[in-house]
C-alpha atoms as a PDB file:
ATOM      1  CA  MET A   1      -2.112  19.324 -18.146  1.00  0.00           C
ATOM      2  CA  GLU A   2      -0.329  22.548 -17.304  1.00  0.00           C
ATOM      3  CA  ALA A   3       3.377  22.160 -16.551  1.00  0.00           C
ATOM      4  CA  ARG A   4       5.101  24.187 -13.875  1.00  0.00           C
ATOM      5  CA  ASN A   5       8.780  24.644 -13.124  1.00  0.00           C
ATOM      6  CA  LEU A   6      10.432  23.193 -10.062  1.00  0.00           C
ATOM      7  CA  THR A   7      13.926  23.923  -8.767  1.00  0.00           C
ATOM      8  CA  LEU A   8      15.816  21.058  -7.133  1.00  0.00           C
ATOM      9  CA  SER A   9      19.049  21.142  -5.219  1.00  0.00           C
ATOM     10  CA  LEU A  10      21.033  17.967  -5.798  1.00  0.00           C
ATOM     11  CA  PRO A  11      24.677  16.985  -5.235  1.00  0.00           C
ATOM     12  CA  SER A  12      26.893  17.601  -8.268  1.00  0.00           C
ATOM     13  CA  PRO A  13      27.967  13.944  -8.631  1.00  0.00           C
ATOM     14  CA  LEU A  14      24.315  12.880  -8.719  1.00  0.00           C
ATOM     15  CA  ILE A  15      23.529  15.435 -11.411  1.00  0.00           C
ATOM     16  CA  ARG A  16      26.488  14.220 -13.485  1.00  0.00           C
ATOM     17  CA  GLN A  17      25.344  10.610 -13.147  1.00  0.00           C
ATOM     18  CA  ALA A  18      21.789  11.596 -14.059  1.00  0.00           C
ATOM     19  CA  LYS A  19      22.973  13.443 -17.171  1.00  0.00           C
ATOM     20  CA  VAL A  20      24.996  10.431 -18.324  1.00  0.00           C
ATOM     21  CA  TYR A  21      22.122   8.050 -17.590  1.00  0.00           C
ATOM     22  CA  ALA A  22      19.629  10.282 -19.405  1.00  0.00           C
ATOM     23  CA  ALA A  23      21.906  10.580 -22.445  1.00  0.00           C
ATOM     24  CA  GLU A  24      22.450   6.811 -22.543  1.00  0.00           C
ATOM     25  CA  HIS A  25      18.681   6.285 -22.473  1.00  0.00           C
ATOM     26  CA  ASP A  26      17.892   9.063 -24.958  1.00  0.00           C
ATOM     27  CA  THR A  27      15.838  11.065 -22.466  1.00  0.00           C
ATOM     28  CA  THR A  28      16.169  14.047 -20.138  1.00  0.00           C
ATOM     29  CA  ILE A  29      16.628  14.462 -16.423  1.00  0.00           C
ATOM     30  CA  ASN A  30      13.247  16.181 -16.388  1.00  0.00           C
ATOM     31  CA  THR A  31      11.599  13.090 -17.871  1.00  0.00           C
ATOM     32  CA  LEU A  32      13.479  10.801 -15.485  1.00  0.00           C
ATOM     33  CA  VAL A  33      12.339  12.784 -12.441  1.00  0.00           C
ATOM     34  CA  ARG A  34       8.753  12.967 -13.719  1.00  0.00           C
ATOM     35  CA  GLU A  35       8.621   9.201 -14.362  1.00  0.00           C
ATOM     36  CA  LEU A  36      10.184   8.363 -11.003  1.00  0.00           C
ATOM     37  CA  LEU A  37       7.701  10.577  -9.180  1.00  0.00           C
ATOM     38  CA  GLN A  38       4.759   9.134 -11.104  1.00  0.00           C
ATOM     39  CA  GLU A  39       5.928   5.604 -10.363  1.00  0.00           C
ATOM     40  CA  ALA A  40       6.409   6.298  -6.649  1.00  0.00           C
ATOM     41  CA  LEU A  41       3.035   7.996  -6.333  1.00  0.00           C
ATOM     42  CA  SER A  42       1.328   5.227  -8.292  1.00  0.00           C
ATOM     43  CA  ARG A  43       2.770   2.612  -5.911  1.00  0.00           C
ATOM     44  CA  GLU A  44       1.569   4.700  -2.970  1.00  0.00           C
ATOM     45  CA  ASP A  45      -1.930   4.967  -4.455  1.00  0.00           C
ATOM     46  CA  LYS A  46      -2.032   1.218  -5.096  1.00  0.00           C
ATOM     47  CA  ALA A  47      -0.880   0.498  -1.539  1.00  0.00           C
ATOM     48  CA  ARG A  48      -3.551   2.799  -0.104  1.00  0.00           C
ATOM     49  CA  ALA A  49      -6.238   1.183  -2.261  1.00  0.00           C
ATOM     50  CA  ALA A  50      -5.146  -2.292  -1.165  1.00  0.00           C
ATOM     51  CA  ALA A  51      -5.139  -1.227   2.490  1.00  0.00           C
ATOM     52  CA  ALA A  52      -8.638   0.224   2.091  1.00  0.00           C
ATOM     53  CA  ARG A  53      -9.853  -3.057   0.565  1.00  0.00           C
ATOM     54  CA  LEU A  54      -8.319  -5.056   3.421  1.00  0.00           C
ATOM     55  CA  LEU A  55      -9.903  -2.777   6.009  1.00  0.00           C
ATOM     56  CA  ALA A  56     -13.290  -3.134   4.315  1.00  0.00           C
ATOM     57  CA  ILE A  57     -12.953  -6.925   4.412  1.00  0.00           C
ATOM     58  CA  ALA A  58     -11.929  -6.815   8.076  1.00  0.00           C
ATOM     59  CA  LYS A  59     -14.815  -4.495   8.906  1.00  0.00           C
ATOM     60  CA  ALA A  60     -17.290  -6.860   7.249  1.00  0.00           C
ATOM     61  CA  GLY A  61     -16.328  -9.487   9.789  1.00  0.00           C
ATOM     62  CA  PRO A  62     -15.809 -13.216   9.519  1.00  0.00           C
ATOM     63  CA  TYR A  63     -17.272 -15.089   6.587  1.00  0.00           C
ATOM     64  CA  PHE A  64     -18.511 -18.041   8.617  1.00  0.00           C
ATOM     65  CA  SER A  65     -21.542 -18.296  10.851  1.00  0.00           C
ATOM     66  CA  ILE A  66     -20.219 -20.966  13.194  1.00  0.00           C
ATOM     67  CA  ASP A  67     -18.198 -20.014  16.247  1.00  0.00           C
ATOM     68  CA  PRO A  68     -14.864 -21.852  15.828  1.00  0.00           C
ATOM     69  CA  GLY A  69     -14.790 -22.424  19.599  1.00  0.00           C
ATOM     70  CA  SER A  70     -17.980 -24.458  19.381  1.00  0.00           C
ATOM     71  CA  ILE A  71     -16.378 -27.154  17.183  1.00  0.00           C
ATOM     72  CA  SER A  72     -15.056 -30.137  19.093  1.00  0.00           C
ATOM     73  CA  ARG A  73     -11.633 -31.597  18.517  1.00  0.00           C
ATOM     74  CA  ASP A  74     -13.191 -34.807  17.183  1.00  0.00           C
ATOM     75  CA  GLU A  75     -15.247 -32.826  14.652  1.00  0.00           C
ATOM     76  CA  LEU A  76     -12.139 -30.985  13.472  1.00  0.00           C
ATOM     77  CA  HIS A  77     -10.292 -34.247  12.859  1.00  0.00           C
ATOM     78  CA  GLU A  78     -13.244 -36.216  11.511  1.00  0.00           C
ATOM     79  CA  ARG A  79     -12.355 -38.349   8.497  1.00  0.00           C
ATOM     80  CA  TRP A  80     -14.716 -38.715   5.566  1.00  0.00           C
END
């Protein structure tokens, strides 16, 4: 995959904290940003996929063929 440069404008204290964090974890700010973006986008993709599945289920309609309103109270509470 081709890499491209991106310029970010961040507050100085945040950059300092990121540098310390990256050094403590033997990585770079670039890698941290890339991983955070990938993680956020992955969560978004998963959420969209789940929403699409739920909408497909809802669109398919109910999974029963009996109208719940047609069941009497006695039938609902019938003991076996």
